[in-house]
């Protein structure tokens, strides 16, 4: 291996290490550290890789594997961002569906509660009508038959909880 090839390989190794440091957000270059301190996100591009490696401008131009690695990492980030956008869109759709379902269930509960209230009113009306009917039928029975009927009821049930009045 010639001296030129050795130096080229050494430069490529420096560039690859610089890529790793930029991806890990741990640069050694002062300019890139200042960007991180300012709260900015570091971009992975040839210029920043050259700065981080301490090499001159356009030194990545002759290193095709380094440029390919930069493109590959950036495309992964774009794919992740696209996947995240799709996930967010799917979550919004699911949330909208669930909201519609919740609203329909709330409407169903409201209609059931209205039905319960209506049935309570009907039940109350039926009970009052039943009381009136029972009272009217009781009034139709002559007094002597009422007493005989109660005596018969009390006499038939020895286990009854009803205790007759003593005169």
N, C-alpha and C. Protein backbone atom coordinates (compact mmCIF):
# COMPACT_ATOMS: atom_id res chain seq x y z
N UNK A 1 0.84 -1.17 0.00
CA UNK A 1 0.00 0.00 0.00
C UNK A 1 0.89 1.24 0.00
N UNK A 2 0.57 2.15 -0.89
CA UNK A 2 1.40 3.34 -1.02
C UNK A 2 1.06 4.33 0.09
N UNK A 3 1.94 5.30 0.24
CA UNK A 3 1.76 6.32 1.27
C UNK A 3 0.49 7.12 1.02
N UNK A 4 0.20 7.37 -0.24
CA UNK A 4 -1.01 8.12 -0.60
C UNK A 4 -2.26 7.36 -0.16
N UNK A 5 -2.30 6.05 -0.40
CA UNK A 5 -3.45 5.24 -0.01
C UNK A 5 -3.59 5.18 1.50
N UNK A 6 -2.47 5.10 2.20
CA UNK A 6 -2.49 5.06 3.66
C UNK A 6 -3.09 6.36 4.21
N UNK A 7 -2.64 7.51 3.67
CA UNK A 7 -3.16 8.80 4.12
C UNK A 7 -4.66 8.94 3.79
N UNK A 8 -5.05 8.43 2.62
CA UNK A 8 -6.46 8.51 2.22
C UNK A 8 -7.31 7.66 3.17
N UNK A 9 -6.81 6.48 3.54
CA UNK A 9 -7.54 5.62 4.47
C UNK A 9 -7.62 6.26 5.86
N UNK A 10 -6.55 6.91 6.28
CA UNK A 10 -6.54 7.59 7.57
C UNK A 10 -7.55 8.73 7.58
N UNK A 11 -7.64 9.48 6.49
CA UNK A 11 -8.61 10.57 6.37
C UNK A 11 -10.03 10.01 6.40
N UNK A 12 -10.25 8.90 5.70
CA UNK A 12 -11.58 8.28 5.69
C UNK A 12 -11.97 7.83 7.09
N UNK A 13 -11.01 7.28 7.84
CA UNK A 13 -11.29 6.85 9.21
C UNK A 13 -11.64 8.05 10.09
N UNK A 14 -10.90 9.16 9.92
CA UNK A 14 -11.20 10.38 10.68
C UNK A 14 -12.62 10.87 10.37
N UNK A 15 -12.99 10.83 9.10
CA UNK A 15 -14.33 11.29 8.70
C UNK A 15 -15.42 10.38 9.29
N UNK A 16 -15.19 9.06 9.29
CA UNK A 16 -16.17 8.13 9.84
C UNK A 16 -16.33 8.34 11.35
N UNK A 17 -15.23 8.58 12.05
CA UNK A 17 -15.31 8.86 13.49
C UNK A 17 -16.06 10.17 13.73
N UNK A 18 -15.83 11.16 12.88
CA UNK A 18 -16.53 12.44 13.00
C UNK A 18 -18.04 12.24 12.80
N UNK A 19 -18.40 11.39 11.85
CA UNK A 19 -19.82 11.09 11.63
C UNK A 19 -20.43 10.49 12.90
N UNK A 20 -19.72 9.54 13.50
CA UNK A 20 -20.23 8.90 14.72
C UNK A 20 -20.42 9.92 15.84
N UNK A 21 -19.46 10.83 15.99
CA UNK A 21 -19.58 11.84 17.06
C UNK A 21 -20.75 12.79 16.79
N UNK A 22 -20.97 13.15 15.53
CA UNK A 22 -22.09 14.05 15.20
C UNK A 22 -23.42 13.34 15.45
N UNK A 23 -23.51 12.08 15.05
CA UNK A 23 -24.75 11.33 15.27
C UNK A 23 -25.03 11.18 16.77
N UNK A 24 -23.97 11.00 17.56
CA UNK A 24 -24.13 10.85 19.02
C UNK A 24 -24.27 12.19 19.74
N UNK A 25 -24.22 13.30 18.99
CA UNK A 25 -24.30 14.66 19.57
C UNK A 25 -23.18 14.92 20.58
N UNK A 26 -21.98 14.44 20.27
CA UNK A 26 -20.82 14.67 21.13
C UNK A 26 -19.64 15.15 20.29
N UNK A 27 -19.78 16.33 19.68
CA UNK A 27 -18.69 16.82 18.82
C UNK A 27 -17.51 17.33 19.66
N UNK A 28 -16.34 17.37 19.01
CA UNK A 28 -15.16 17.94 19.66
C UNK A 28 -14.85 19.31 19.08
N UNK A 29 -15.42 19.63 17.94
CA UNK A 29 -15.21 20.92 17.28
C UNK A 29 -15.93 22.03 18.05
N UNK A 30 -15.24 23.16 18.23
CA UNK A 30 -15.79 24.28 19.01
C UNK A 30 -17.06 24.84 18.38
N UNK A 31 -17.08 25.01 17.06
CA UNK A 31 -18.27 25.56 16.38
C UNK A 31 -19.49 24.66 16.60
N UNK A 32 -19.29 23.37 16.47
CA UNK A 32 -20.42 22.44 16.63
C UNK A 32 -20.87 22.35 18.09
N UNK A 33 -19.92 22.46 19.03
CA UNK A 33 -20.29 22.49 20.45
C UNK A 33 -21.14 23.72 20.75
N UNK A 34 -20.77 24.86 20.14
CA UNK A 34 -21.54 26.09 20.35
C UNK A 34 -22.96 25.95 19.81
N UNK A 35 -23.11 25.27 18.68
CA UNK A 35 -24.45 25.04 18.12
C UNK A 35 -25.30 24.22 19.09
N UNK A 36 -24.70 23.19 19.65
CA UNK A 36 -25.44 22.36 20.61
C UNK A 36 -25.79 23.17 21.85
N UNK A 37 -24.83 23.99 22.32
CA UNK A 37 -25.08 24.83 23.50
C UNK A 37 -26.20 25.82 23.24
N UNK A 38 -26.34 26.27 21.99
CA UNK A 38 -27.41 27.21 21.64
C UNK A 38 -28.75 26.50 21.48
N UNK A 39 -28.76 25.18 21.61
CA UNK A 39 -30.00 24.42 21.52
C UNK A 39 -30.38 24.01 20.12
N UNK A 40 -29.47 24.13 19.19
CA UNK A 40 -29.76 23.75 17.81
C UNK A 40 -29.42 22.28 17.59
N UNK A 41 -30.10 21.69 16.64
CA UNK A 41 -29.83 20.30 16.27
C UNK A 41 -28.71 20.28 15.23
N UNK A 42 -27.75 19.40 15.41
CA UNK A 42 -26.66 19.28 14.44
C UNK A 42 -27.15 18.54 13.21
N UNK A 43 -26.81 19.10 12.05
CA UNK A 43 -27.15 18.45 10.79
C UNK A 43 -25.96 17.60 10.37
N UNK A 44 -26.29 16.43 9.86
CA UNK A 44 -25.23 15.57 9.35
C UNK A 44 -25.06 15.87 7.87
N UNK A 45 -24.05 16.68 7.56
CA UNK A 45 -23.74 17.01 6.17
C UNK A 45 -22.22 17.02 6.00
N UNK A 46 -21.73 17.00 4.78
CA UNK A 46 -20.27 16.93 4.57
C UNK A 46 -19.51 18.07 5.24
N UNK A 47 -20.07 19.27 5.24
CA UNK A 47 -19.36 20.41 5.83
C UNK A 47 -19.15 20.21 7.33
N UNK A 48 -20.21 19.79 8.05
CA UNK A 48 -20.08 19.57 9.49
C UNK A 48 -19.14 18.40 9.78
N UNK A 49 -19.16 17.38 8.94
CA UNK A 49 -18.25 16.25 9.13
C UNK A 49 -16.81 16.70 8.95
N UNK A 50 -16.57 17.55 7.95
CA UNK A 50 -15.21 18.07 7.73
C UNK A 50 -14.76 18.91 8.91
N UNK A 51 -15.66 19.77 9.43
CA UNK A 51 -15.30 20.58 10.60
C UNK A 51 -14.96 19.69 11.79
N UNK A 52 -15.80 18.68 12.04
CA UNK A 52 -15.60 17.81 13.18
C UNK A 52 -14.31 17.00 13.05
N UNK A 53 -13.97 16.60 11.84
CA UNK A 53 -12.75 15.82 11.63
C UNK A 53 -11.51 16.71 11.62
N UNK A 54 -11.70 18.04 11.54
CA UNK A 54 -10.57 18.96 11.51
C UNK A 54 -9.90 18.99 10.15
N UNK A 55 -10.65 18.71 9.10
CA UNK A 55 -10.10 18.70 7.75
C UNK A 55 -10.58 19.92 6.98
N UNK A 56 -9.97 20.14 5.82
CA UNK A 56 -10.31 21.32 5.02
C UNK A 56 -11.62 21.11 4.27
N UNK A 57 -12.15 22.23 3.76
CA UNK A 57 -13.40 22.24 3.02
C UNK A 57 -13.27 21.37 1.77
N UNK A 58 -14.32 20.59 1.46
CA UNK A 58 -14.40 19.69 0.30
C UNK A 58 -13.46 18.49 0.40
N UNK A 59 -12.99 18.16 1.59
CA UNK A 59 -12.12 16.99 1.71
C UNK A 59 -12.94 15.69 1.65
N UNK A 60 -14.25 15.77 1.82
CA UNK A 60 -15.09 14.57 1.72
C UNK A 60 -15.38 14.21 0.27
N UNK A 61 -15.12 15.14 -0.63
CA UNK A 61 -15.47 14.94 -2.04
C UNK A 61 -14.80 13.70 -2.64
N UNK A 62 -13.61 13.40 -2.22
CA UNK A 62 -12.88 12.27 -2.79
C UNK A 62 -13.12 10.96 -2.02
N UNK A 63 -14.02 10.99 -1.04
CA UNK A 63 -14.30 9.80 -0.22
C UNK A 63 -15.76 9.38 -0.41
N UNK A 64 -15.99 8.61 -1.44
CA UNK A 64 -17.35 8.17 -1.79
C UNK A 64 -18.00 7.37 -0.67
N UNK A 65 -17.31 6.44 0.00
CA UNK A 65 -17.97 5.68 1.08
C UNK A 65 -18.46 6.59 2.22
N UNK A 66 -17.71 7.65 2.50
CA UNK A 66 -18.12 8.58 3.56
C UNK A 66 -19.39 9.32 3.14
N UNK A 67 -19.42 9.79 1.90
CA UNK A 67 -20.62 10.48 1.40
C UNK A 67 -21.82 9.54 1.38
N UNK A 68 -21.59 8.28 1.01
CA UNK A 68 -22.68 7.30 1.00
C UNK A 68 -23.20 7.06 2.42
N UNK A 69 -22.30 7.01 3.38
CA UNK A 69 -22.71 6.82 4.79
C UNK A 69 -23.54 8.00 5.28
N UNK A 70 -23.13 9.21 4.92
CA UNK A 70 -23.89 10.41 5.30
C UNK A 70 -25.30 10.34 4.70
N UNK A 71 -25.39 9.99 3.42
CA UNK A 71 -26.69 9.88 2.76
C UNK A 71 -27.55 8.78 3.40
N UNK A 72 -26.92 7.66 3.73
CA UNK A 72 -27.66 6.55 4.32
C UNK A 72 -28.25 6.95 5.68
N UNK A 73 -27.45 7.58 6.51
CA UNK A 73 -27.93 8.00 7.84
C UNK A 73 -29.03 9.04 7.71
N UNK A 74 -28.85 9.99 6.80
CA UNK A 74 -29.89 11.01 6.60
C UNK A 74 -31.18 10.40 6.06
N UNK A 75 -31.07 9.41 5.17
CA UNK A 75 -32.29 8.78 4.64
C UNK A 75 -33.00 7.99 5.73
N UNK A 76 -32.24 7.39 6.66
CA UNK A 76 -32.86 6.70 7.79
C UNK A 76 -33.66 7.68 8.64
N UNK A 77 -33.07 8.85 8.87
CA UNK A 77 -33.77 9.86 9.67
C UNK A 77 -35.05 10.32 8.97
N UNK A 78 -34.98 10.47 7.65
CA UNK A 78 -36.17 10.88 6.89
C UNK A 78 -37.23 9.80 6.96
N UNK A 79 -36.81 8.53 6.83
CA UNK A 79 -37.78 7.42 6.92
C UNK A 79 -38.41 7.37 8.30
N UNK A 80 -37.59 7.58 9.34
CA UNK A 80 -38.14 7.59 10.70
C UNK A 80 -39.14 8.73 10.86
N UNK A 81 -38.80 9.89 10.31
CA UNK A 81 -39.72 11.03 10.40
C UNK A 81 -41.01 10.73 9.63
N UNK A 82 -40.88 10.09 8.48
CA UNK A 82 -42.07 9.71 7.71
C UNK A 82 -42.91 8.69 8.46
N UNK A 83 -42.24 7.73 9.10
CA UNK A 83 -42.98 6.74 9.89
C UNK A 83 -43.68 7.41 11.06
N UNK A 84 -42.99 8.35 11.70
CA UNK A 84 -43.61 9.06 12.81
C UNK A 84 -44.82 9.86 12.34
N UNK A 85 -44.69 10.49 11.17
CA UNK A 85 -45.82 11.26 10.64
C UNK A 85 -47.00 10.34 10.34
N UNK A 86 -46.70 9.16 9.79
CA UNK A 86 -47.78 8.20 9.51
C UNK A 86 -48.42 7.72 10.81
N UNK A 87 -47.59 7.46 11.82
CA UNK A 87 -48.12 7.02 13.11
C UNK A 87 -49.02 8.09 13.72
N UNK A 88 -48.57 9.33 13.64
CA UNK A 88 -49.36 10.44 14.19
C UNK A 88 -50.68 10.56 13.43
N UNK A 89 -50.63 10.44 12.11
CA UNK A 89 -51.86 10.52 11.32
C UNK A 89 -52.81 9.38 11.68
N UNK A 90 -52.26 8.17 11.84
CA UNK A 90 -53.10 7.04 12.23
C UNK A 90 -53.69 7.24 13.62
N UNK A 91 -52.90 7.80 14.53
CA UNK A 91 -53.41 8.06 15.87
C UNK A 91 -54.52 9.10 15.85
N UNK A 92 -54.38 10.11 14.99
CA UNK A 92 -55.44 11.12 14.87
C UNK A 92 -56.72 10.48 14.34
N UNK A 93 -56.58 9.61 13.35
CA UNK A 93 -57.76 8.92 12.80
C UNK A 93 -58.41 8.05 13.87
N UNK A 94 -57.58 7.31 14.61
CA UNK A 94 -58.12 6.46 15.68
C UNK A 94 -58.80 7.30 16.75
N UNK A 95 -58.20 8.44 17.09
CA UNK A 95 -58.79 9.32 18.10
C UNK A 95 -60.14 9.85 17.62
N UNK A 96 -60.23 10.20 16.34
CA UNK A 96 -61.50 10.69 15.80
C UNK A 96 -62.56 9.59 15.84
N UNK A 97 -62.17 8.36 15.49
CA UNK A 97 -63.11 7.24 15.55
C UNK A 97 -63.58 7.01 16.98
N UNK A 98 -62.64 7.03 17.92
CA UNK A 98 -63.00 6.80 19.32
C UNK A 98 -63.89 7.93 19.84
N UNK A 99 -63.63 9.15 19.42
CA UNK A 99 -64.46 10.28 19.84
C UNK A 99 -65.89 10.11 19.33
N UNK A 100 -66.02 9.68 18.07
CA UNK A 100 -67.35 9.44 17.52
C UNK A 100 -68.04 8.32 18.29
N UNK A 101 -67.30 7.27 18.61
CA UNK A 101 -67.87 6.16 19.36
C UNK A 101 -68.31 6.61 20.75
N UNK A 102 -67.49 7.41 21.40
CA UNK A 102 -67.83 7.93 22.72
C UNK A 102 -69.08 8.78 22.65
N UNK A 103 -69.16 9.65 21.64
CA UNK A 103 -70.34 10.50 21.50
C UNK A 103 -71.59 9.67 21.25
N UNK A 104 -71.48 8.64 20.42
CA UNK A 104 -72.65 7.79 20.16
C UNK A 104 -73.06 7.05 21.42
N UNK A 105 -72.09 6.59 22.22
CA UNK A 105 -72.41 5.91 23.48
C UNK A 105 -73.05 6.87 24.48
N UNK A 106 -72.58 8.12 24.50
CA UNK A 106 -73.19 9.12 25.38
C UNK A 106 -74.64 9.37 24.97
N UNK A 107 -74.88 9.47 23.65
CA UNK A 107 -76.25 9.65 23.16
C UNK A 107 -77.12 8.46 23.53
N UNK A 108 -76.56 7.27 23.42
CA UNK A 108 -77.31 6.06 23.78
C UNK A 108 -77.65 6.06 25.26
N UNK A 109 -76.70 6.45 26.10
CA UNK A 109 -76.95 6.52 27.54
C UNK A 109 -78.04 7.53 27.84
N UNK A 110 -77.99 8.67 27.17
CA UNK A 110 -79.01 9.70 27.38
C UNK A 110 -80.39 9.19 26.99
N UNK A 111 -80.48 8.49 25.85
CA UNK A 111 -81.78 7.96 25.42
C UNK A 111 -82.26 6.88 26.39
N UNK A 112 -81.36 6.06 26.91
CA UNK A 112 -81.74 5.04 27.89
C UNK A 112 -82.24 5.69 29.18
N UNK A 113 -81.55 6.74 29.62
CA UNK A 113 -82.00 7.45 30.83
C UNK A 113 -83.36 8.08 30.62
N UNK A 114 -83.60 8.65 29.44
CA UNK A 114 -84.92 9.22 29.14
C UNK A 114 -85.99 8.13 29.16
N UNK A 115 -85.65 6.97 28.61
CA UNK A 115 -86.59 5.85 28.60
C UNK A 115 -86.89 5.38 30.02
N UNK A 116 -85.87 5.34 30.87
CA UNK A 116 -86.05 4.94 32.27
C UNK A 116 -86.99 5.91 32.98
N UNK A 117 -86.77 7.20 32.77
CA UNK A 117 -87.64 8.20 33.39
C UNK A 117 -89.08 8.04 32.92
N UNK A 118 -89.27 7.80 31.63
CA UNK A 118 -90.62 7.61 31.09
C UNK A 118 -91.27 6.37 31.70
N UNK A 119 -90.51 5.27 31.83
CA UNK A 119 -91.04 4.05 32.42
C UNK A 119 -91.37 4.24 33.90
N UNK A 120 -90.60 5.04 34.62
CA UNK A 120 -90.91 5.34 36.02
C UNK A 120 -92.25 6.06 36.12
N UNK A 121 -92.48 7.03 35.22
CA UNK A 121 -93.76 7.76 35.23
C UNK A 121 -94.92 6.82 34.91
N UNK A 122 -94.73 5.94 33.92
CA UNK A 122 -95.78 4.98 33.56
C UNK A 122 -96.05 4.04 34.73
N UNK A 123 -95.00 3.57 35.38
CA UNK A 123 -95.15 2.67 36.52
C UNK A 123 -95.91 3.35 37.66
N UNK A 124 -95.60 4.60 37.93
CA UNK A 124 -96.30 5.35 38.97
C UNK A 124 -97.79 5.48 38.63
N UNK A 125 -98.09 5.78 37.37
CA UNK A 125 -99.49 5.89 36.94
C UNK A 125 -100.21 4.55 37.08
N UNK A 126 -99.54 3.45 36.72
CA UNK A 126 -100.15 2.13 36.84
C UNK A 126 -100.42 1.77 38.30
N UNK A 127 -99.48 2.09 39.19
CA UNK A 127 -99.68 1.80 40.61
C UNK A 127 -100.84 2.61 41.18
N UNK A 128 -100.93 3.86 40.81
CA UNK A 128 -102.05 4.66 41.32
C UNK A 128 -103.37 4.12 40.78
N UNK A 129 -103.40 3.71 39.52
CA UNK A 129 -104.61 3.13 38.94
C UNK A 129 -104.96 1.81 39.65
N UNK A 130 -103.95 1.00 39.95
CA UNK A 130 -104.16 -0.27 40.64
C UNK A 130 -104.73 -0.03 42.04
N UNK A 131 -104.21 0.98 42.75
CA UNK A 131 -104.74 1.31 44.08
C UNK A 131 -106.20 1.72 43.99
N UNK A 132 -106.51 2.57 43.01
CA UNK A 132 -107.90 3.01 42.84
C UNK A 132 -108.81 1.82 42.53
N UNK A 133 -108.37 0.92 41.67
CA UNK A 133 -109.16 -0.24 41.30
C UNK A 133 -109.36 -1.16 42.50
N UNK A 134 -108.30 -1.41 43.26
CA UNK A 134 -108.40 -2.26 44.44
C UNK A 134 -109.36 -1.66 45.46
N UNK A 135 -109.26 -0.37 45.68
CA UNK A 135 -110.16 0.31 46.62
C UNK A 135 -111.60 0.23 46.14
N UNK A 136 -111.82 0.43 44.86
CA UNK A 136 -113.18 0.36 44.32
C UNK A 136 -113.75 -1.04 44.45
N UNK A 137 -112.94 -2.06 44.17
CA UNK A 137 -113.42 -3.44 44.31
C UNK A 137 -113.68 -3.79 45.77
N UNK A 138 -112.84 -3.32 46.65
CA UNK A 138 -113.02 -3.57 48.08
C UNK A 138 -114.32 -2.94 48.57
N UNK A 139 -114.63 -1.76 48.06
CA UNK A 139 -115.86 -1.08 48.46
C UNK A 139 -117.09 -1.83 47.95
N UNK A 140 -116.96 -2.60 46.87
CA UNK A 140 -118.08 -3.36 46.32
C UNK A 140 -118.44 -4.58 47.17
N UNK A 141 -117.50 -5.08 47.96
CA UNK A 141 -117.77 -6.25 48.80
C UNK A 141 -118.58 -5.78 50.01
N UNK A 142 -119.71 -6.44 50.32
CA UNK A 142 -120.49 -6.06 51.51
C UNK A 142 -119.68 -6.30 52.78
N UNK A 143 -120.02 -5.57 53.85
CA UNK A 143 -119.28 -5.58 55.11
C UNK A 143 -119.21 -6.99 55.71
N UNK A 144 -120.32 -7.75 55.70
CA UNK A 144 -120.34 -9.09 56.30
C UNK A 144 -119.40 -10.03 55.55
N UNK A 145 -119.40 -9.92 54.25
CA UNK A 145 -118.54 -10.80 53.45
C UNK A 145 -117.06 -10.44 53.64
N UNK A 146 -116.79 -9.20 53.88
CA UNK A 146 -115.40 -8.79 54.13
C UNK A 146 -114.88 -9.46 55.39
N UNK A 147 -115.67 -9.41 56.46
CA UNK A 147 -115.25 -10.01 57.73
C UNK A 147 -115.06 -11.51 57.56
N UNK A 148 -116.00 -12.16 56.86
CA UNK A 148 -115.90 -13.61 56.64
C UNK A 148 -114.66 -13.93 55.80
N UNK A 149 -114.40 -13.10 54.82
CA UNK A 149 -113.24 -13.30 53.96
C UNK A 149 -111.94 -13.20 54.76
N UNK A 150 -111.85 -12.21 55.64
CA UNK A 150 -110.64 -12.06 56.46
C UNK A 150 -110.52 -13.20 57.47
N UNK A 151 -111.66 -13.62 58.05
CA UNK A 151 -111.60 -14.74 58.99
C UNK A 151 -111.11 -16.00 58.28
N UNK A 152 -111.61 -16.20 57.06
CA UNK A 152 -111.21 -17.37 56.28
C UNK A 152 -109.71 -17.31 55.97
N UNK A 153 -109.22 -16.13 55.56
CA UNK A 153 -107.79 -15.97 55.26
C UNK A 153 -106.93 -16.20 56.49
N UNK A 154 -107.35 -15.69 57.62
CA UNK A 154 -106.57 -15.87 58.85
C UNK A 154 -106.64 -17.30 59.35
N UNK A 155 -107.76 -17.95 59.16
CA UNK A 155 -107.91 -19.32 59.62
C UNK A 155 -107.14 -20.31 58.77
N UNK A 156 -107.02 -20.05 57.48
CA UNK A 156 -106.33 -20.97 56.57
C UNK A 156 -104.82 -20.98 56.79
N UNK A 157 -104.27 -19.88 57.16
CA UNK A 157 -102.82 -19.80 57.28
C UNK A 157 -102.42 -19.74 58.74
N UNK A 158 -101.99 -20.87 59.27
CA UNK A 158 -101.54 -20.93 60.66
C UNK A 158 -100.16 -20.30 60.81
N UNK A 159 -99.39 -20.31 59.72
CA UNK A 159 -98.03 -19.77 59.75
C UNK A 159 -98.03 -18.29 59.44
N UNK A 160 -99.14 -17.69 59.42
CA UNK A 160 -99.26 -16.30 58.99
C UNK A 160 -98.62 -15.36 60.01
N UNK A 161 -98.13 -14.27 59.51
CA UNK A 161 -97.58 -13.23 60.37
C UNK A 161 -98.66 -12.28 60.84
N UNK A 162 -99.89 -12.51 60.38
CA UNK A 162 -100.99 -11.63 60.75
C UNK A 162 -101.59 -12.13 62.06
N UNK A 163 -101.67 -11.26 63.03
CA UNK A 163 -102.25 -11.59 64.33
C UNK A 163 -103.62 -10.92 64.42
N UNK A 164 -104.68 -11.69 64.71
CA UNK A 164 -106.02 -11.08 64.79
C UNK A 164 -106.16 -10.21 66.04
N UNK A 165 -106.96 -9.16 65.91
CA UNK A 165 -107.24 -8.29 67.04
C UNK A 165 -108.20 -8.97 67.99
N UNK A 166 -107.99 -8.79 69.25
CA UNK A 166 -108.91 -9.34 70.25
C UNK A 166 -109.84 -8.22 70.69
N UNK A 167 -111.15 -8.57 70.81
CA UNK A 167 -112.14 -7.56 71.23
C UNK A 167 -112.19 -7.38 72.70
